[in-house]
Amino acid sequence: VKHFGPSTPDLLLPPSDELPINGPNGKGRPLNRPALG
């Protein structure tokens, strides 16, 4: 997240009703693997 986040806006999965902005456990949203790929 530190390296790729600033240049990859969609690096993390978007928040939704099922996925809070800070992730399900408060540690962050999962990586958006297609975007990283």
PDB file of all heavy atoms in Angstrom:
ATOM      1  N   VAL A   1       0.829  -1.206   0.000  1.00  0.00           N
ATOM      2  CA  VAL A   1       0.000   0.000   0.000  1.00  0.00           C
ATOM      3  C   VAL A   1       0.865   1.258   0.000  1.00  0.00           C
ATOM      4  O   VAL A   1       0.583   2.236  -0.709  1.00  0.00           O
ATOM      5  CB  VAL A   1      -0.959  -0.006   1.215  1.00  0.00           C
ATOM      6  CG1 VAL A   1      -1.676   1.337   1.345  1.00  0.00           C
ATOM      7  CG2 VAL A   1      -1.982  -1.135   1.076  1.00  0.00           C
ATOM      8  N   LYS A   2       1.943   1.227   0.758  1.00  0.00           N
ATOM      9  CA  LYS A   2       2.833   2.397   0.830  1.00  0.00           C
ATOM     10  C   LYS A   2       3.483   2.688  -0.515  1.00  0.00           C
ATOM     11  O   LYS A   2       3.572   3.846  -0.938  1.00  0.00           O
ATOM     12  CB  LYS A   2       3.907   2.158   1.889  1.00  0.00           C
ATOM     13  CG  LYS A   2       4.869   3.325   2.061  1.00  0.00           C
ATOM     14  CD  LYS A   2       5.899   3.038   3.149  1.00  0.00           C
ATOM     15  CE  LYS A   2       6.877   4.215   3.304  1.00  0.00           C
ATOM     16  NZ  LYS A   2       7.879   3.935   4.374  1.00  0.00           N
ATOM     17  N   HIS A   3       3.911   1.622  -1.220  1.00  0.00           N
ATOM     18  CA  HIS A   3       4.626   1.840  -2.479  1.00  0.00           C
ATOM     19  C   HIS A   3       3.676   2.103  -3.647  1.00  0.00           C
ATOM     20  O   HIS A   3       3.885   3.022  -4.431  1.00  0.00           O
ATOM     21  CB  HIS A   3       5.507   0.635  -2.807  1.00  0.00           C
ATOM     22  CG  HIS A   3       6.281   0.806  -4.078  1.00  0.00           C
ATOM     23  ND1 HIS A   3       7.478   1.484  -4.130  1.00  0.00           N
ATOM     24  CD2 HIS A   3       6.005   0.417  -5.366  1.00  0.00           C
ATOM     25  CE1 HIS A   3       7.918   1.501  -5.377  1.00  0.00           C
ATOM     26  NE2 HIS A   3       7.038   0.857  -6.144  1.00  0.00           N
ATOM     27  N   PHE A   4       2.633   1.270  -3.778  1.00  0.00           N
ATOM     28  CA  PHE A   4       1.776   1.346  -4.960  1.00  0.00           C
ATOM     29  C   PHE A   4       0.554   2.243  -4.761  1.00  0.00           C
ATOM     30  O   PHE A   4      -0.027   2.704  -5.750  1.00  0.00           O
ATOM     31  CB  PHE A   4       1.306  -0.060  -5.358  1.00  0.00           C
ATOM     32  CG  PHE A   4       2.397  -0.938  -5.892  1.00  0.00           C
ATOM     33  CD1 PHE A   4       3.022  -1.870  -5.075  1.00  0.00           C
ATOM     34  CD2 PHE A   4       2.801  -0.843  -7.215  1.00  0.00           C
ATOM     35  CE1 PHE A   4       4.031  -2.691  -5.565  1.00  0.00           C
ATOM     36  CE2 PHE A   4       3.814  -1.654  -7.716  1.00  0.00           C
ATOM     37  CZ  PHE A   4       4.428  -2.586  -6.885  1.00  0.00           C
ATOM     38  N   GLY A   5       0.156   2.474  -3.511  1.00  0.00           N
ATOM     39  CA  GLY A   5      -1.058   3.240  -3.246  1.00  0.00           C
ATOM     40  C   GLY A   5      -1.105   4.614  -3.896  1.00  0.00           C
ATOM     41  O   GLY A   5      -2.095   4.955  -4.568  1.00  0.00           O
ATOM     42  N   PRO A   6      -0.071   5.438  -3.752  1.00  0.00           N
ATOM     43  CA  PRO A   6      -0.121   6.795  -4.299  1.00  0.00           C
ATOM     44  C   PRO A   6      -0.312   6.853  -5.820  1.00  0.00           C
ATOM     45  O   PRO A   6      -0.893   7.812  -6.333  1.00  0.00           O
ATOM     46  CB  PRO A   6       1.243   7.389  -3.909  1.00  0.00           C
ATOM     47  CG  PRO A   6       1.646   6.613  -2.689  1.00  0.00           C
ATOM     48  CD  PRO A   6       1.149   5.227  -2.938  1.00  0.00           C
ATOM     49  N   SER A   7       0.158   5.821  -6.541  1.00  0.00           N
ATOM     50  CA  SER A   7       0.063   5.841  -8.007  1.00  0.00           C
ATOM     51  C   SER A   7      -0.991   4.875  -8.551  1.00  0.00           C
ATOM     52  O   SER A   7      -1.150   4.746  -9.761  1.00  0.00           O
ATOM     53  CB  SER A   7       1.429   5.488  -8.625  1.00  0.00           C
ATOM     54  OG  SER A   7       1.881   4.235  -8.151  1.00  0.00           O
ATOM     55  N   THR A   8      -1.722   4.208  -7.649  1.00  0.00           N
ATOM     56  CA  THR A   8      -2.745   3.245  -8.074  1.00  0.00           C
ATOM     57  C   THR A   8      -4.018   3.510  -7.277  1.00  0.00           C
ATOM     58  O   THR A   8      -4.240   2.907  -6.217  1.00  0.00           O
ATOM     59  CB  THR A   8      -2.264   1.793  -7.844  1.00  0.00           C
ATOM     60  OG1 THR A   8      -0.931   1.643  -8.337  1.00  0.00           O
ATOM     61  CG2 THR A   8      -3.175   0.790  -8.549  1.00  0.00           C
ATOM     62  N   PRO A   9      -4.879   4.407  -7.748  1.00  0.00           N
ATOM     63  CA  PRO A   9      -6.071   4.797  -6.973  1.00  0.00           C
ATOM     64  C   PRO A   9      -6.992   3.631  -6.634  1.00  0.00           C
ATOM     65  O   PRO A   9      -7.662   3.655  -5.600  1.00  0.00           O
ATOM     66  CB  PRO A   9      -6.770   5.797  -7.902  1.00  0.00           C
ATOM     67  CG  PRO A   9      -5.702   6.297  -8.815  1.00  0.00           C
ATOM     68  CD  PRO A   9      -4.763   5.152  -9.011  1.00  0.00           C
ATOM     69  N   ASP A  10      -7.040   2.609  -7.505  1.00  0.00           N
ATOM     70  CA  ASP A  10      -7.939   1.473  -7.273  1.00  0.00           C
ATOM     71  C   ASP A  10      -7.188   0.265  -6.692  1.00  0.00           C
ATOM     72  O   ASP A  10      -7.602  -0.883  -6.883  1.00  0.00           O
ATOM     73  CB  ASP A  10      -8.659   1.074  -8.563  1.00  0.00           C
ATOM     74  CG  ASP A  10      -7.683   0.751  -9.708  1.00  0.00           C
ATOM     75  OD1 ASP A  10      -6.488   1.077  -9.572  1.00  0.00           O
ATOM     76  OD2 ASP A  10      -8.136   0.198 -10.725  1.00  0.00           O
ATOM     77  N   LEU A  11      -6.089   0.510  -5.965  1.00  0.00           N
ATOM     78  CA  LEU A  11      -5.285  -0.571  -5.420  1.00  0.00           C
ATOM     79  C   LEU A  11      -6.068  -1.437  -4.431  1.00  0.00           C
ATOM     80  O   LEU A  11      -5.834  -2.638  -4.329  1.00  0.00           O
ATOM     81  CB  LEU A  11      -4.041   0.006  -4.721  1.00  0.00           C
ATOM     82  CG  LEU A  11      -3.087  -1.001  -4.085  1.00  0.00           C
ATOM     83  CD1 LEU A  11      -2.458  -1.904  -5.149  1.00  0.00           C
ATOM     84  CD2 LEU A  11      -2.001  -0.291  -3.286  1.00  0.00           C
ATOM     85  N   LEU A  12      -7.003  -0.837  -3.693  1.00  0.00           N
ATOM     86  CA  LEU A  12      -7.814  -1.572  -2.722  1.00  0.00           C
ATOM     87  C   LEU A  12      -9.225  -1.752  -3.258  1.00  0.00           C
ATOM     88  O   LEU A  12      -9.709  -0.947  -4.055  1.00  0.00           O
ATOM     89  CB  LEU A  12      -7.864  -0.814  -1.393  1.00  0.00           C
ATOM     90  CG  LEU A  12      -6.514  -0.467  -0.752  1.00  0.00           C
ATOM     91  CD1 LEU A  12      -6.740   0.250   0.570  1.00  0.00           C
ATOM     92  CD2 LEU A  12      -5.667  -1.708  -0.552  1.00  0.00           C
ATOM     93  N   LEU A  13      -9.861  -2.822  -2.818  1.00  0.00           N
ATOM     94  CA  LEU A  13     -11.251  -3.035  -3.224  1.00  0.00           C
ATOM     95  C   LEU A  13     -12.103  -1.865  -2.734  1.00  0.00           C
ATOM     96  O   LEU A  13     -11.883  -1.343  -1.634  1.00  0.00           O
ATOM     97  CB  LEU A  13     -11.782  -4.340  -2.636  1.00  0.00           C
ATOM     98  CG  LEU A  13     -11.155  -5.634  -3.177  1.00  0.00           C
ATOM     99  CD1 LEU A  13     -11.740  -6.846  -2.451  1.00  0.00           C
ATOM    100  CD2 LEU A  13     -11.369  -5.758  -4.674  1.00  0.00           C
ATOM    101  N   PRO A  14     -13.085  -1.429  -3.536  1.00  0.00           N
ATOM    102  CA  PRO A  14     -13.896  -0.279  -3.136  1.00  0.00           C
ATOM    103  C   PRO A  14     -14.787  -0.605  -1.935  1.00  0.00           C
ATOM    104  O   PRO A  14     -15.247  -1.736  -1.784  1.00  0.00           O
ATOM    105  CB  PRO A  14     -14.731   0.007  -4.385  1.00  0.00           C
ATOM    106  CG  PRO A  14     -14.795  -1.296  -5.113  1.00  0.00           C
ATOM    107  CD  PRO A  14     -13.474  -1.973  -4.847  1.00  0.00           C
ATOM    108  N   PRO A  15     -15.033   0.374  -1.079  1.00  0.00           N
ATOM    109  CA  PRO A  15     -15.941   0.137   0.057  1.00  0.00           C
ATOM    110  C   PRO A  15     -17.366  -0.087  -0.432  1.00  0.00           C
ATOM    111  O   PRO A  15     -17.755   0.388  -1.496  1.00  0.00           O
ATOM    112  CB  PRO A  15     -15.810   1.421   0.878  1.00  0.00           C
ATOM    113  CG  PRO A  15     -15.325   2.447  -0.079  1.00  0.00           C
ATOM    114  CD  PRO A  15     -14.497   1.729  -1.095  1.00  0.00           C
ATOM    115  N   SER A  16     -18.116  -0.834   0.339  1.00  0.00           N
ATOM    116  CA  SER A  16     -19.507  -1.126  -0.011  1.00  0.00           C
ATOM    117  C   SER A  16     -20.276  -1.391   1.270  1.00  0.00           C
ATOM    118  O   SER A  16     -19.736  -1.271   2.370  1.00  0.00           O
ATOM    119  CB  SER A  16     -19.578  -2.345  -0.936  1.00  0.00           C
ATOM    120  OG  SER A  16     -19.113  -3.498  -0.260  1.00  0.00           O
ATOM    121  N   ASP A  17     -21.547  -1.784   1.128  1.00  0.00           N
ATOM    122  CA  ASP A  17     -22.352  -2.115   2.306  1.00  0.00           C
ATOM    123  C   ASP A  17     -21.740  -3.299   3.056  1.00  0.00           C
ATOM    124  O   ASP A  17     -21.820  -3.385   4.279  1.00  0.00           O
ATOM    125  CB  ASP A  17     -23.787  -2.457   1.890  1.00  0.00           C
ATOM    126  CG  ASP A  17     -24.526  -1.236   1.367  1.00  0.00           C
ATOM    127  OD1 ASP A  17     -24.092  -0.101   1.684  1.00  0.00           O
ATOM    128  OD2 ASP A  17     -25.509  -1.410   0.627  1.00  0.00           O
ATOM    129  N   GLU A  18     -21.122  -4.225   2.295  1.00  0.00           N
ATOM    130  CA  GLU A  18     -20.531  -5.406   2.917  1.00  0.00           C
ATOM    131  C   GLU A  18     -19.072  -5.189   3.326  1.00  0.00           C
ATOM    132  O   GLU A  18     -18.538  -5.924   4.151  1.00  0.00           O
ATOM    133  CB  GLU A  18     -20.593  -6.612   1.955  1.00  0.00           C
ATOM    134  CG  GLU A  18     -21.996  -7.122   1.648  1.00  0.00           C
ATOM    135  CD  GLU A  18     -22.721  -6.233   0.651  1.00  0.00           C
ATOM    136  OE1 GLU A  18     -22.034  -5.556  -0.154  1.00  0.00           O
ATOM    137  OE2 GLU A  18     -23.969  -6.199   0.683  1.00  0.00           O
ATOM    138  N   LEU A  19     -18.420  -4.182   2.728  1.00  0.00           N
ATOM    139  CA  LEU A  19     -17.004  -3.951   2.988  1.00  0.00           C
ATOM    140  C   LEU A  19     -16.789  -2.530   3.509  1.00  0.00           C
ATOM    141  O   LEU A  19     -16.791  -1.568   2.741  1.00  0.00           O
ATOM    142  CB  LEU A  19     -16.183  -4.166   1.705  1.00  0.00           C
ATOM    143  CG  LEU A  19     -14.658  -4.025   1.834  1.00  0.00           C
ATOM    144  CD1 LEU A  19     -14.101  -5.073   2.803  1.00  0.00           C
ATOM    145  CD2 LEU A  19     -13.990  -4.153   0.471  1.00  0.00           C
ATOM    146  N   PRO A  20     -16.596  -2.382   4.819  1.00  0.00           N
ATOM    147  CA  PRO A  20     -16.377  -1.041   5.395  1.00  0.00           C
ATOM    148  C   PRO A  20     -15.120  -0.392   4.836  1.00  0.00           C
ATOM    149  O   PRO A  20     -14.227  -1.071   4.327  1.00  0.00           O
ATOM    150  CB  PRO A  20     -16.224  -1.330   6.901  1.00  0.00           C
ATOM    151  CG  PRO A  20     -16.790  -2.692   7.108  1.00  0.00           C
ATOM    152  CD  PRO A  20     -16.579  -3.439   5.826  1.00  0.00           C
ATOM    153  N   ILE A  21     -15.037   0.908   4.947  1.00  0.00           N
ATOM    154  CA  ILE A  21     -13.916   1.649   4.382  1.00  0.00           C
ATOM    155  C   ILE A  21     -12.581   1.230   4.990  1.00  0.00           C
ATOM    156  O   ILE A  21     -11.533   1.284   4.327  1.00  0.00           O
ATOM    157  CB  ILE A  21     -14.140   3.174   4.546  1.00  0.00           C
ATOM    158  CG1 ILE A  21     -13.121   3.938   3.685  1.00  0.00           C
ATOM    159  CG2 ILE A  21     -14.067   3.585   6.018  1.00  0.00           C
ATOM    160  CD1 ILE A  21     -13.453   5.401   3.526  1.00  0.00           C
ATOM    161  N   ASN A  22     -12.583   0.789   6.255  1.00  0.00           N
ATOM    162  CA  ASN A  22     -11.358   0.327   6.913  1.00  0.00           C
ATOM    163  C   ASN A  22     -11.229  -1.194   6.921  1.00  0.00           C
ATOM    164  O   ASN A  22     -10.414  -1.751   7.660  1.00  0.00           O
ATOM    165  CB  ASN A  22     -11.291   0.853   8.346  1.00  0.00           C
ATOM    166  CG  ASN A  22     -11.087   2.354   8.391  1.00  0.00           C
ATOM    167  OD1 ASN A  22     -10.349   2.908   7.581  1.00  0.00           O
ATOM    168  ND2 ASN A  22     -11.757   3.012   9.322  1.00  0.00           N
ATOM    169  N   GLY A  23     -12.054  -1.863   6.114  1.00  0.00           N
ATOM    170  CA  GLY A  23     -11.989  -3.311   6.034  1.00  0.00           C
ATOM    171  C   GLY A  23     -12.827  -3.989   7.101  1.00  0.00           C
ATOM    172  O   GLY A  23     -13.247  -3.354   8.077  1.00  0.00           O
ATOM    173  N   PRO A  24     -13.065  -5.287   6.945  1.00  0.00           N
ATOM    174  CA  PRO A  24     -13.929  -6.014   7.888  1.00  0.00           C
ATOM    175  C   PRO A  24     -13.366  -6.099   9.297  1.00  0.00           C
ATOM    176  O   PRO A  24     -14.118  -6.222  10.266  1.00  0.00           O
ATOM    177  CB  PRO A  24     -14.048  -7.412   7.256  1.00  0.00           C
ATOM    178  CG  PRO A  24     -12.878  -7.530   6.343  1.00  0.00           C
ATOM    179  CD  PRO A  24     -12.593  -6.150   5.856  1.00  0.00           C
ATOM    180  N   ASN A  25     -12.040  -6.023   9.445  1.00  0.00           N
ATOM    181  CA  ASN A  25     -11.438  -6.127  10.781  1.00  0.00           C
ATOM    182  C   ASN A  25     -10.746  -4.841  11.202  1.00  0.00           C
ATOM    183  O   ASN A  25      -9.996  -4.819  12.179  1.00  0.00           O
ATOM    184  CB  ASN A  25     -10.458  -7.302  10.839  1.00  0.00           C
ATOM    185  CG  ASN A  25      -9.388  -7.206   9.758  1.00  0.00           C
ATOM    186  OD1 ASN A  25      -9.249  -6.174   9.101  1.00  0.00           O
ATOM    187  ND2 ASN A  25      -8.634  -8.274   9.595  1.00  0.00           N
ATOM    188  N   GLY A  26     -10.974  -3.769  10.434  1.00  0.00           N
ATOM    189  CA  GLY A  26     -10.377  -2.485  10.769  1.00  0.00           C
ATOM    190  C   GLY A  26      -8.917  -2.337  10.378  1.00  0.00           C
ATOM    191  O   GLY A  26      -8.289  -1.319  10.672  1.00  0.00           O
ATOM    192  N   LYS A  27      -8.360  -3.329   9.682  1.00  0.00           N
ATOM    193  CA  LYS A  27      -6.940  -3.294   9.308  1.00  0.00           C
ATOM    194  C   LYS A  27      -6.718  -2.871   7.858  1.00  0.00           C
ATOM    195  O   LYS A  27      -5.586  -2.853   7.387  1.00  0.00           O
ATOM    196  CB  LYS A  27      -6.304  -4.668   9.541  1.00  0.00           C
ATOM    197  CG  LYS A  27      -6.300  -5.088  11.006  1.00  0.00           C
ATOM    198  CD  LYS A  27      -5.660  -6.462  11.190  1.00  0.00           C
ATOM    199  CE  LYS A  27      -5.648  -6.864  12.659  1.00  0.00           C
ATOM    200  NZ  LYS A  27      -5.056  -8.223  12.863  1.00  0.00           N
ATOM    201  N   GLY A  28      -7.794  -2.547   7.164  1.00  0.00           N
ATOM    202  CA  GLY A  28      -7.675  -2.121   5.777  1.00  0.00           C
ATOM    203  C   GLY A  28      -8.480  -3.006   4.841  1.00  0.00           C
ATOM    204  O   GLY A  28      -8.779  -4.157   5.162  1.00  0.00           O
ATOM    205  N   ARG A  29      -8.839  -2.452   3.673  1.00  0.00           N
ATOM    206  CA  ARG A  29      -9.571  -3.229   2.675  1.00  0.00           C
ATOM    207  C   ARG A  29      -8.598  -4.123   1.901  1.00  0.00           C
ATOM    208  O   ARG A  29      -7.436  -3.761   1.706  1.00  0.00           O
ATOM    209  CB  ARG A  29     -10.308  -2.309   1.700  1.00  0.00           C
ATOM    210  CG  ARG A  29     -11.289  -1.369   2.397  1.00  0.00           C
ATOM    211  CD  ARG A  29     -12.229  -0.699   1.415  1.00  0.00           C
ATOM    212  NE  ARG A  29     -11.546   0.003   0.345  1.00  0.00           N
ATOM    213  CZ  ARG A  29     -11.039   1.234   0.449  1.00  0.00           C
ATOM    214  NH1 ARG A  29     -11.111   1.890   1.597  1.00  0.00           N
ATOM    215  NH2 ARG A  29     -10.452   1.808  -0.597  1.00  0.00           N
ATOM    216  N   PRO A  30      -9.052  -5.286   1.454  1.00  0.00           N
ATOM    217  CA  PRO A  30      -8.164  -6.195   0.704  1.00  0.00           C
ATOM    218  C   PRO A  30      -7.643  -5.554  -0.581  1.00  0.00           C
ATOM    219  O   PRO A  30      -8.237  -4.615  -1.120  1.00  0.00           O
ATOM    220  CB  PRO A  30      -9.077  -7.389   0.387  1.00  0.00           C
ATOM    221  CG  PRO A  30     -10.157  -7.333   1.420  1.00  0.00           C
ATOM    222  CD  PRO A  30     -10.379  -5.881   1.698  1.00  0.00           C
ATOM    223  N   LEU A  31      -6.523  -6.092  -1.060  1.00  0.00           N
ATOM    224  CA  LEU A  31      -5.940  -5.603  -2.308  1.00  0.00           C
ATOM    225  C   LEU A  31      -6.846  -5.927  -3.491  1.00  0.00           C
ATOM    226  O   LEU A  31      -7.474  -6.990  -3.535  1.00  0.00           O
ATOM    227  CB  LEU A  31      -4.575  -6.248  -2.532  1.00  0.00           C
ATOM    228  CG  LEU A  31      -3.477  -5.922  -1.513  1.00  0.00           C
ATOM    229  CD1 LEU A  31      -2.266  -6.808  -1.772  1.00  0.00           C
ATOM    230  CD2 LEU A  31      -3.093  -4.450  -1.585  1.00  0.00           C
ATOM    231  N   ASN A  32      -6.896  -5.016  -4.430  1.00  0.00           N
ATOM    232  CA  ASN A  32      -7.589  -5.236  -5.700  1.00  0.00           C
ATOM    233  C   ASN A  32      -6.577  -5.882  -6.642  1.00  0.00           C
ATOM    234  O   ASN A  32      -5.782  -5.202  -7.284  1.00  0.00           O
ATOM    235  CB  ASN A  32      -8.091  -3.902  -6.259  1.00  0.00           C
ATOM    236  CG  ASN A  32      -8.844  -4.061  -7.557  1.00  0.00           C
ATOM    237  OD1 ASN A  32      -8.895  -5.146  -8.136  1.00  0.00           O
ATOM    238  ND2 ASN A  32      -9.420  -2.982  -8.037  1.00  0.00           N
ATOM    239  N   ARG A  33      -6.576  -7.192  -6.705  1.00  0.00           N
ATOM    240  CA  ARG A  33      -5.514  -7.910  -7.415  1.00  0.00           C
ATOM    241  C   ARG A  33      -5.447  -7.617  -8.909  1.00  0.00           C
ATOM    242  O   ARG A  33      -4.348  -7.499  -9.469  1.00  0.00           O
ATOM    243  CB  ARG A  33      -5.638  -9.417  -7.149  1.00  0.00           C
ATOM    244  CG  ARG A  33      -5.341  -9.728  -5.689  1.00  0.00           C
ATOM    245  CD  ARG A  33      -5.389 -11.207  -5.378  1.00  0.00           C
ATOM    246  NE  ARG A  33      -5.041 -11.393  -3.977  1.00  0.00           N
ATOM    247  CZ  ARG A  33      -3.813 -11.468  -3.514  1.00  0.00           C
ATOM    248  NH1 ARG A  33      -2.792 -11.377  -4.340  1.00  0.00           N
ATOM    249  NH2 ARG A  33      -3.575 -11.632  -2.224  1.00  0.00           N
ATOM    250  N   PRO A  34      -6.584  -7.491  -9.611  1.00  0.00           N
ATOM    251  CA  PRO A  34      -6.480  -7.118 -11.030  1.00  0.00           C
ATOM    252  C   PRO A  34      -5.795  -5.761 -11.229  1.00  0.00           C
ATOM    253  O   PRO A  34      -4.998  -5.592 -12.153  1.00  0.00           O
ATOM    254  CB  PRO A  34      -7.935  -7.086 -11.498  1.00  0.00           C
ATOM    255  CG  PRO A  34      -8.638  -8.051 -10.587  1.00  0.00           C
ATOM    256  CD  PRO A  34      -7.969  -7.868  -9.249  1.00  0.00           C
ATOM    257  N   ALA A  35      -6.074  -4.801 -10.342  1.00  0.00           N
ATOM    258  CA  ALA A  35      -5.445  -3.480 -10.461  1.00  0.00           C
ATOM    259  C   ALA A  35      -3.937  -3.576 -10.214  1.00  0.00           C
ATOM    260  O   ALA A  35      -3.135  -2.976 -10.933  1.00  0.00           O
ATOM    261  CB  ALA A  35      -6.080  -2.501  -9.472  1.00  0.00           C
ATOM    262  N   LEU A  36      -3.553  -4.358  -9.202  1.00  0.00           N
ATOM    263  CA  LEU A  36      -2.129  -4.548  -8.930  1.00  0.00           C
ATOM    264  C   LEU A  36      -1.462  -5.305 -10.074  1.00  0.00           C
ATOM    265  O   LEU A  36      -0.336  -4.999 -10.471  1.00  0.00           O
ATOM    266  CB  LEU A  36      -1.948  -5.302  -7.614  1.00  0.00           C
ATOM    267  CG  LEU A  36      -0.505  -5.546  -7.144  1.00  0.00           C
ATOM    268  CD1 LEU A  36       0.248  -4.227  -6.977  1.00  0.00           C
ATOM    269  CD2 LEU A  36      -0.494  -6.338  -5.840  1.00  0.00           C
ATOM    270  N   GLY A  37      -2.195  -6.279 -10.622  1.00  0.00           N
ATOM    271  CA  GLY A  37      -1.659  -7.057 -11.736  1.00  0.00           C
ATOM    272  C   GLY A  37      -1.342  -6.206 -12.944  1.00  0.00           C
ATOM    273  O   GLY A  37      -0.336  -6.427 -13.636  1.00  0.00           O
TER     274      GLY A  37
END
